[in-house]
Amino acid sequence: MKILVINGPNLNFLGIREKAVYGTRDYKALVEMIEEKCKAEGIEVSCFQSNHEGAIIDRIQESYFDGTDGIVINPGAFTHYSYAIRDALASITVPKVEVHISDIDSREEFRKISVTEPVCDLQIKGRGFDGYLDAIDFISGKESDAK
């Protein structure tokens, strides 16, 4: 099984930005946690982060051709307005899980709207880094605490 994890804008600043919201662990810790889980479970994983909408769209489209079996995506702020990322996700028929470290429903009004959620199979929010692990479990068919 091959899983692609995509992280959008500002996620490379984990551990630096808004620690009360996103915690103190950095992006490297997130990637290491994901890679460790996937290695233990025999899952091939590729982690990709970009602050650029077009680069994220390009990577989603590449997944159509590279044998990706599932996508975990935290679109960051693009969640709320990127119909281009939404359309790219809609074009890919593998399982897709949208993840948010914070509970977007308990934050500012604009964060409660996700244009990408309807084209994903599941949305996980407010579970911190564990949300990524839940998403991997969902894609691989394992039970998890994903909600």
N, C-alpha and C. Protein backbone atom coordinates (compact mmCIF):
# COMPACT_ATOMS: atom_id res chain seq x y z
N MET A 1 0.84 -1.19 0.00
CA MET A 1 0.00 0.00 0.00
C MET A 1 0.88 1.24 0.00
N LYS A 2 0.44 2.24 -0.76
CA LYS A 2 1.19 3.50 -0.90
C LYS A 2 0.28 4.67 -0.54
N ILE A 3 0.67 5.44 0.46
CA ILE A 3 -0.12 6.58 0.93
C ILE A 3 0.68 7.86 0.73
N LEU A 4 -0.03 8.88 0.25
CA LEU A 4 0.52 10.22 0.09
C LEU A 4 -0.06 11.11 1.17
N VAL A 5 0.81 11.80 1.91
CA VAL A 5 0.38 12.77 2.92
C VAL A 5 0.76 14.15 2.40
N ILE A 6 -0.24 15.01 2.24
CA ILE A 6 -0.03 16.37 1.74
C ILE A 6 -0.35 17.36 2.85
N ASN A 7 0.56 18.28 3.08
CA ASN A 7 0.35 19.37 4.04
C ASN A 7 0.47 20.69 3.32
N GLY A 8 -0.50 21.55 3.56
CA GLY A 8 -0.57 22.84 2.89
C GLY A 8 0.17 23.94 3.61
N PRO A 9 -0.24 25.18 3.34
CA PRO A 9 0.48 26.35 3.79
C PRO A 9 0.61 26.45 5.31
N ASN A 10 1.79 26.88 5.70
CA ASN A 10 2.15 27.18 7.08
C ASN A 10 2.37 25.96 7.96
N LEU A 11 2.09 24.75 7.46
CA LEU A 11 2.32 23.58 8.28
C LEU A 11 3.80 23.31 8.49
N ASN A 12 4.63 23.82 7.61
CA ASN A 12 6.08 23.75 7.82
C ASN A 12 6.50 24.60 9.02
N PHE A 13 5.61 25.45 9.53
CA PHE A 13 5.89 26.30 10.69
C PHE A 13 5.30 25.73 11.98
N LEU A 14 4.93 24.45 11.98
CA LEU A 14 4.49 23.82 13.22
C LEU A 14 5.60 23.96 14.26
N GLY A 15 5.21 24.18 15.52
CA GLY A 15 6.19 24.38 16.58
C GLY A 15 6.66 25.82 16.69
N ILE A 16 6.34 26.62 15.68
CA ILE A 16 6.71 28.03 15.66
C ILE A 16 5.46 28.89 15.77
N ARG A 17 4.45 28.58 14.98
CA ARG A 17 3.26 29.41 14.91
C ARG A 17 2.19 28.96 15.91
N GLU A 18 1.51 29.88 16.49
CA GLU A 18 0.35 29.65 17.34
C GLU A 18 0.43 28.35 18.14
N LYS A 19 1.40 28.28 19.03
CA LYS A 19 1.64 27.06 19.81
C LYS A 19 0.44 26.65 20.65
N ALA A 20 -0.35 27.61 21.08
CA ALA A 20 -1.54 27.28 21.87
C ALA A 20 -2.57 26.53 21.04
N VAL A 21 -2.54 26.71 19.73
CA VAL A 21 -3.48 26.05 18.83
C VAL A 21 -2.89 24.76 18.26
N TYR A 22 -1.63 24.82 17.81
CA TYR A 22 -1.03 23.72 17.07
C TYR A 22 0.01 22.92 17.86
N GLY A 23 0.34 23.35 19.07
CA GLY A 23 1.30 22.62 19.88
C GLY A 23 2.73 23.05 19.62
N THR A 24 3.65 22.37 20.30
CA THR A 24 5.05 22.75 20.25
C THR A 24 5.89 21.81 19.37
N ARG A 25 5.33 20.70 18.95
CA ARG A 25 6.09 19.79 18.08
C ARG A 25 6.18 20.37 16.69
N ASP A 26 7.32 20.17 16.05
CA ASP A 26 7.55 20.77 14.74
C ASP A 26 7.16 19.84 13.59
N TYR A 27 7.28 20.35 12.38
CA TYR A 27 6.89 19.59 11.19
C TYR A 27 7.73 18.33 11.04
N LYS A 28 9.01 18.42 11.36
CA LYS A 28 9.87 17.24 11.28
C LYS A 28 9.35 16.13 12.19
N ALA A 29 8.90 16.48 13.38
CA ALA A 29 8.35 15.48 14.32
C ALA A 29 7.09 14.84 13.73
N LEU A 30 6.27 15.63 13.06
CA LEU A 30 5.07 15.09 12.43
C LEU A 30 5.44 14.07 11.36
N VAL A 31 6.36 14.44 10.49
CA VAL A 31 6.77 13.55 9.40
C VAL A 31 7.40 12.28 9.96
N GLU A 32 8.25 12.41 10.97
CA GLU A 32 8.88 11.23 11.58
C GLU A 32 7.84 10.30 12.19
N MET A 33 6.82 10.86 12.85
CA MET A 33 5.75 10.05 13.44
C MET A 33 5.00 9.28 12.36
N ILE A 34 4.68 9.95 11.27
CA ILE A 34 3.97 9.31 10.16
C ILE A 34 4.83 8.21 9.54
N GLU A 35 6.09 8.52 9.28
CA GLU A 35 6.99 7.54 8.65
C GLU A 35 7.20 6.33 9.55
N GLU A 36 7.31 6.55 10.85
CA GLU A 36 7.51 5.45 11.80
C GLU A 36 6.30 4.52 11.79
N LYS A 37 5.10 5.08 11.84
CA LYS A 37 3.89 4.26 11.81
C LYS A 37 3.81 3.46 10.52
N CYS A 38 4.05 4.12 9.41
CA CYS A 38 3.93 3.44 8.13
C CYS A 38 4.99 2.35 7.97
N LYS A 39 6.20 2.60 8.42
CA LYS A 39 7.24 1.58 8.35
C LYS A 39 6.83 0.36 9.16
N ALA A 40 6.32 0.59 10.36
CA ALA A 40 5.91 -0.53 11.23
C ALA A 40 4.78 -1.34 10.61
N GLU A 41 3.97 -0.71 9.77
CA GLU A 41 2.82 -1.38 9.19
C GLU A 41 3.03 -1.79 7.74
N GLY A 42 4.24 -1.62 7.24
CA GLY A 42 4.54 -2.03 5.88
C GLY A 42 3.86 -1.18 4.81
N ILE A 43 3.64 0.08 5.14
CA ILE A 43 3.00 1.01 4.21
C ILE A 43 4.07 1.95 3.65
N GLU A 44 4.08 2.10 2.34
CA GLU A 44 4.97 3.07 1.71
C GLU A 44 4.30 4.44 1.84
N VAL A 45 5.04 5.42 2.34
CA VAL A 45 4.45 6.74 2.54
C VAL A 45 5.36 7.81 1.93
N SER A 46 4.72 8.81 1.39
CA SER A 46 5.41 9.98 0.86
C SER A 46 4.76 11.21 1.49
N CYS A 47 5.57 12.05 2.13
CA CYS A 47 5.06 13.28 2.74
C CYS A 47 5.48 14.47 1.88
N PHE A 48 4.52 15.34 1.63
CA PHE A 48 4.74 16.50 0.77
C PHE A 48 4.14 17.72 1.46
N GLN A 49 4.87 18.82 1.48
CA GLN A 49 4.36 20.07 2.04
C GLN A 49 4.68 21.19 1.08
N SER A 50 3.69 22.07 0.88
CA SER A 50 3.92 23.26 0.07
C SER A 50 3.03 24.39 0.54
N ASN A 51 3.56 25.59 0.40
CA ASN A 51 2.78 26.79 0.66
C ASN A 51 2.14 27.31 -0.61
N HIS A 52 2.25 26.56 -1.70
CA HIS A 52 1.79 27.00 -3.01
C HIS A 52 0.66 26.11 -3.53
N GLU A 53 -0.46 26.73 -3.82
CA GLU A 53 -1.64 26.01 -4.28
C GLU A 53 -1.35 25.15 -5.52
N GLY A 54 -0.69 25.71 -6.50
CA GLY A 54 -0.40 24.97 -7.73
C GLY A 54 0.46 23.75 -7.49
N ALA A 55 1.42 23.84 -6.59
CA ALA A 55 2.29 22.70 -6.28
C ALA A 55 1.48 21.58 -5.64
N ILE A 56 0.52 21.93 -4.80
CA ILE A 56 -0.34 20.92 -4.17
C ILE A 56 -1.21 20.25 -5.23
N ILE A 57 -1.76 21.04 -6.13
CA ILE A 57 -2.57 20.48 -7.22
C ILE A 57 -1.72 19.55 -8.09
N ASP A 58 -0.51 19.99 -8.43
CA ASP A 58 0.38 19.15 -9.23
C ASP A 58 0.64 17.82 -8.53
N ARG A 59 0.87 17.85 -7.22
CA ARG A 59 1.18 16.60 -6.49
C ARG A 59 -0.04 15.69 -6.43
N ILE A 60 -1.22 16.26 -6.25
CA ILE A 60 -2.44 15.44 -6.27
C ILE A 60 -2.57 14.77 -7.63
N GLN A 61 -2.37 15.52 -8.69
CA GLN A 61 -2.49 14.95 -10.03
C GLN A 61 -1.43 13.88 -10.29
N GLU A 62 -0.21 14.09 -9.81
CA GLU A 62 0.85 13.09 -9.96
C GLU A 62 0.46 11.77 -9.30
N SER A 63 -0.30 11.86 -8.20
CA SER A 63 -0.68 10.64 -7.48
C SER A 63 -1.55 9.72 -8.33
N TYR A 64 -2.21 10.28 -9.31
CA TYR A 64 -3.03 9.46 -10.22
C TYR A 64 -2.15 8.48 -10.99
N PHE A 65 -0.94 8.88 -11.28
CA PHE A 65 -0.04 8.09 -12.12
C PHE A 65 1.00 7.28 -11.34
N ASP A 66 1.21 7.58 -10.06
CA ASP A 66 2.34 6.95 -9.36
C ASP A 66 1.96 5.78 -8.44
N GLY A 67 0.74 5.30 -8.55
CA GLY A 67 0.34 4.13 -7.77
C GLY A 67 -0.12 4.43 -6.36
N THR A 68 -0.41 5.68 -6.06
CA THR A 68 -0.90 6.04 -4.73
C THR A 68 -2.24 5.35 -4.47
N ASP A 69 -2.36 4.75 -3.27
CA ASP A 69 -3.58 4.03 -2.88
C ASP A 69 -4.49 4.86 -2.00
N GLY A 70 -4.00 5.97 -1.46
CA GLY A 70 -4.80 6.81 -0.59
C GLY A 70 -4.08 8.11 -0.29
N ILE A 71 -4.87 9.14 -0.03
CA ILE A 71 -4.31 10.48 0.24
C ILE A 71 -4.82 10.98 1.59
N VAL A 72 -3.88 11.45 2.40
CA VAL A 72 -4.18 12.18 3.63
C VAL A 72 -3.80 13.62 3.33
N ILE A 73 -4.73 14.54 3.50
CA ILE A 73 -4.44 15.94 3.18
C ILE A 73 -4.89 16.88 4.27
N ASN A 74 -3.97 17.76 4.66
CA ASN A 74 -4.30 18.90 5.50
C ASN A 74 -4.07 20.11 4.60
N PRO A 75 -5.13 20.62 3.98
CA PRO A 75 -4.96 21.73 3.04
C PRO A 75 -4.65 23.06 3.70
N GLY A 76 -4.60 23.11 5.03
CA GLY A 76 -4.37 24.38 5.71
C GLY A 76 -5.45 25.37 5.32
N ALA A 77 -5.08 26.62 5.14
CA ALA A 77 -6.06 27.65 4.80
C ALA A 77 -6.76 27.40 3.47
N PHE A 78 -6.14 26.62 2.58
CA PHE A 78 -6.79 26.31 1.30
C PHE A 78 -8.09 25.53 1.50
N THR A 79 -8.24 24.91 2.66
CA THR A 79 -9.47 24.17 3.00
C THR A 79 -10.70 25.02 2.75
N HIS A 80 -10.60 26.29 3.05
CA HIS A 80 -11.76 27.16 3.14
C HIS A 80 -12.13 27.85 1.83
N TYR A 81 -11.23 27.77 0.84
CA TYR A 81 -11.57 28.51 -0.39
C TYR A 81 -10.97 27.97 -1.68
N SER A 82 -10.16 26.91 -1.62
CA SER A 82 -9.52 26.47 -2.86
C SER A 82 -10.37 25.46 -3.61
N TYR A 83 -11.17 25.99 -4.52
CA TYR A 83 -11.95 25.10 -5.39
C TYR A 83 -11.04 24.37 -6.36
N ALA A 84 -9.87 24.90 -6.62
CA ALA A 84 -8.92 24.22 -7.50
C ALA A 84 -8.38 22.95 -6.83
N ILE A 85 -8.03 23.02 -5.55
CA ILE A 85 -7.60 21.81 -4.83
C ILE A 85 -8.77 20.86 -4.69
N ARG A 86 -9.95 21.38 -4.41
CA ARG A 86 -11.15 20.56 -4.32
C ARG A 86 -11.35 19.77 -5.62
N ASP A 87 -11.23 20.44 -6.76
CA ASP A 87 -11.44 19.78 -8.05
C ASP A 87 -10.36 18.74 -8.32
N ALA A 88 -9.13 19.03 -7.93
CA ALA A 88 -8.05 18.05 -8.11
C ALA A 88 -8.33 16.80 -7.27
N LEU A 89 -8.76 17.00 -6.02
CA LEU A 89 -9.10 15.85 -5.17
C LEU A 89 -10.27 15.06 -5.75
N ALA A 90 -11.25 15.77 -6.29
CA ALA A 90 -12.43 15.09 -6.87
C ALA A 90 -12.04 14.23 -8.06
N SER A 91 -10.94 14.55 -8.72
CA SER A 91 -10.50 13.81 -9.90
C SER A 91 -9.85 12.48 -9.55
N ILE A 92 -9.45 12.31 -8.31
CA ILE A 92 -8.72 11.12 -7.88
C ILE A 92 -9.70 10.21 -7.13
N THR A 93 -9.74 8.94 -7.52
CA THR A 93 -10.76 8.03 -6.96
C THR A 93 -10.28 7.21 -5.78
N VAL A 94 -9.03 7.36 -5.34
CA VAL A 94 -8.56 6.63 -4.17
C VAL A 94 -9.18 7.24 -2.90
N PRO A 95 -9.17 6.50 -1.78
CA PRO A 95 -9.66 7.08 -0.53
C PRO A 95 -8.86 8.33 -0.15
N LYS A 96 -9.58 9.33 0.34
CA LYS A 96 -8.97 10.60 0.73
C LYS A 96 -9.51 11.01 2.10
N VAL A 97 -8.61 11.45 2.97
CA VAL A 97 -9.00 11.91 4.30
C VAL A 97 -8.44 13.31 4.51
N GLU A 98 -9.32 14.23 4.86
CA GLU A 98 -8.93 15.60 5.21
C GLU A 98 -8.66 15.64 6.71
N VAL A 99 -7.49 16.16 7.08
CA VAL A 99 -7.08 16.21 8.48
C VAL A 99 -6.82 17.66 8.88
N HIS A 100 -7.23 17.99 10.12
CA HIS A 100 -6.91 19.29 10.71
C HIS A 100 -6.44 19.05 12.14
N ILE A 101 -5.30 19.62 12.48
CA ILE A 101 -4.72 19.44 13.81
C ILE A 101 -5.64 20.04 14.86
N SER A 102 -6.17 21.22 14.59
CA SER A 102 -7.08 21.88 15.53
C SER A 102 -8.53 21.54 15.19
N ASP A 103 -9.41 21.84 16.11
CA ASP A 103 -10.85 21.65 15.85
C ASP A 103 -11.35 22.89 15.13
N ILE A 104 -11.42 22.80 13.81
CA ILE A 104 -11.79 23.97 13.01
C ILE A 104 -13.21 24.46 13.31
N ASP A 105 -14.05 23.60 13.85
CA ASP A 105 -15.42 24.01 14.17
C ASP A 105 -15.50 24.90 15.40
N SER A 106 -14.46 24.90 16.21
CA SER A 106 -14.49 25.73 17.43
C SER A 106 -13.63 26.98 17.29
N ARG A 107 -13.24 27.29 16.06
CA ARG A 107 -12.39 28.46 15.82
C ARG A 107 -13.17 29.55 15.09
N GLU A 108 -12.51 30.40 14.35
CA GLU A 108 -13.16 31.49 13.65
C GLU A 108 -14.20 30.96 12.67
N GLU A 109 -15.19 31.80 12.37
CA GLU A 109 -16.29 31.38 11.49
C GLU A 109 -15.80 30.87 10.14
N PHE A 110 -14.84 31.56 9.54
CA PHE A 110 -14.39 31.16 8.21
C PHE A 110 -13.78 29.76 8.20
N ARG A 111 -13.24 29.31 9.34
CA ARG A 111 -12.62 27.99 9.41
C ARG A 111 -13.64 26.86 9.45
N LYS A 112 -14.87 27.18 9.70
CA LYS A 112 -15.92 26.15 9.79
C LYS A 112 -16.36 25.67 8.41
N ILE A 113 -15.94 26.37 7.38
CA ILE A 113 -16.31 26.01 6.00
C ILE A 113 -15.16 25.26 5.36
N SER A 114 -15.45 24.08 4.84
CA SER A 114 -14.45 23.33 4.10
C SER A 114 -15.00 23.02 2.71
N VAL A 115 -14.34 23.53 1.70
CA VAL A 115 -14.77 23.22 0.33
C VAL A 115 -14.17 21.90 -0.13
N THR A 116 -13.18 21.39 0.60
CA THR A 116 -12.55 20.12 0.23
C THR A 116 -13.20 18.91 0.90
N GLU A 117 -13.85 19.09 2.03
CA GLU A 117 -14.46 17.96 2.75
C GLU A 117 -15.42 17.15 1.89
N PRO A 118 -16.30 17.76 1.09
CA PRO A 118 -17.26 16.95 0.33
C PRO A 118 -16.64 15.98 -0.67
N VAL A 119 -15.39 16.20 -1.08
CA VAL A 119 -14.76 15.29 -2.03
C VAL A 119 -13.79 14.33 -1.34
N CYS A 120 -13.79 14.35 0.00
CA CYS A 120 -13.00 13.40 0.78
C CYS A 120 -13.94 12.37 1.41
N ASP A 121 -13.38 11.24 1.78
CA ASP A 121 -14.19 10.18 2.39
C ASP A 121 -14.41 10.40 3.88
N LEU A 122 -13.56 11.21 4.48
CA LEU A 122 -13.62 11.43 5.92
C LEU A 122 -12.90 12.74 6.24
N GLN A 123 -13.38 13.44 7.26
CA GLN A 123 -12.69 14.60 7.79
C GLN A 123 -12.39 14.33 9.26
N ILE A 124 -11.14 14.52 9.65
CA ILE A 124 -10.72 14.36 11.04
C ILE A 124 -10.21 15.70 11.51
N LYS A 125 -10.72 16.18 12.64
CA LYS A 125 -10.33 17.50 13.14
C LYS A 125 -10.19 17.48 14.65
N GLY A 126 -9.23 18.26 15.13
CA GLY A 126 -9.08 18.45 16.57
C GLY A 126 -8.40 17.31 17.30
N ARG A 127 -7.71 16.43 16.60
CA ARG A 127 -7.03 15.31 17.26
C ARG A 127 -5.51 15.48 17.26
N GLY A 128 -5.07 16.71 16.96
CA GLY A 128 -3.63 16.95 16.94
C GLY A 128 -2.95 16.09 15.88
N PHE A 129 -1.70 15.74 16.15
CA PHE A 129 -0.95 14.91 15.21
C PHE A 129 -1.60 13.53 15.05
N ASP A 130 -2.29 13.06 16.10
CA ASP A 130 -2.93 11.74 16.04
C ASP A 130 -3.95 11.63 14.92
N GLY A 131 -4.49 12.75 14.48
CA GLY A 131 -5.44 12.73 13.37
C GLY A 131 -4.83 12.13 12.11
N TYR A 132 -3.55 12.36 11.90
CA TYR A 132 -2.87 11.78 10.74
C TYR A 132 -2.80 10.26 10.86
N LEU A 133 -2.53 9.78 12.07
CA LEU A 133 -2.47 8.33 12.29
C LEU A 133 -3.84 7.70 12.08
N ASP A 134 -4.87 8.38 12.56
CA ASP A 134 -6.25 7.91 12.34
C ASP A 134 -6.56 7.84 10.85
N ALA A 135 -6.11 8.84 10.10
CA ALA A 135 -6.36 8.88 8.66
C ALA A 135 -5.67 7.72 7.96
N ILE A 136 -4.45 7.43 8.36
CA ILE A 136 -3.72 6.29 7.79
C ILE A 136 -4.46 4.99 8.11
N ASP A 137 -4.94 4.86 9.34
CA ASP A 137 -5.72 3.67 9.72
C ASP A 137 -6.96 3.55 8.85
N PHE A 138 -7.64 4.64 8.63
CA PHE A 138 -8.86 4.62 7.81
C PHE A 138 -8.54 4.14 6.39
N ILE A 139 -7.51 4.71 5.81
CA ILE A 139 -7.16 4.35 4.43
C ILE A 139 -6.72 2.89 4.34
N SER A 140 -5.99 2.42 5.36
CA SER A 140 -5.50 1.04 5.33
C SER A 140 -6.53 0.04 5.81
N GLY A 141 -7.70 0.53 6.22
CA GLY A 141 -8.79 -0.36 6.62
C GLY A 141 -8.75 -0.81 8.06
N LYS A 142 -7.91 -0.17 8.88
CA LYS A 142 -7.84 -0.50 10.29
C LYS A 142 -8.85 0.31 11.10
N GLU A 143 -9.18 -0.22 12.24
CA GLU A 143 -10.03 0.53 13.17
C GLU A 143 -9.22 1.67 13.78
N SER A 144 -9.87 2.77 14.06
CA SER A 144 -9.20 3.89 14.72
C SER A 144 -10.23 4.70 15.48
N ASP A 145 -9.76 5.76 16.10
CA ASP A 145 -10.65 6.68 16.82
C ASP A 145 -11.12 7.81 15.92
N ALA A 146 -10.90 7.69 14.61
CA ALA A 146 -11.26 8.75 13.67
C ALA A 146 -12.74 9.04 13.74
N LYS A 147 -13.04 10.33 13.67
CA LYS A 147 -14.45 10.76 13.77
C LYS A 147 -14.74 11.75 12.68
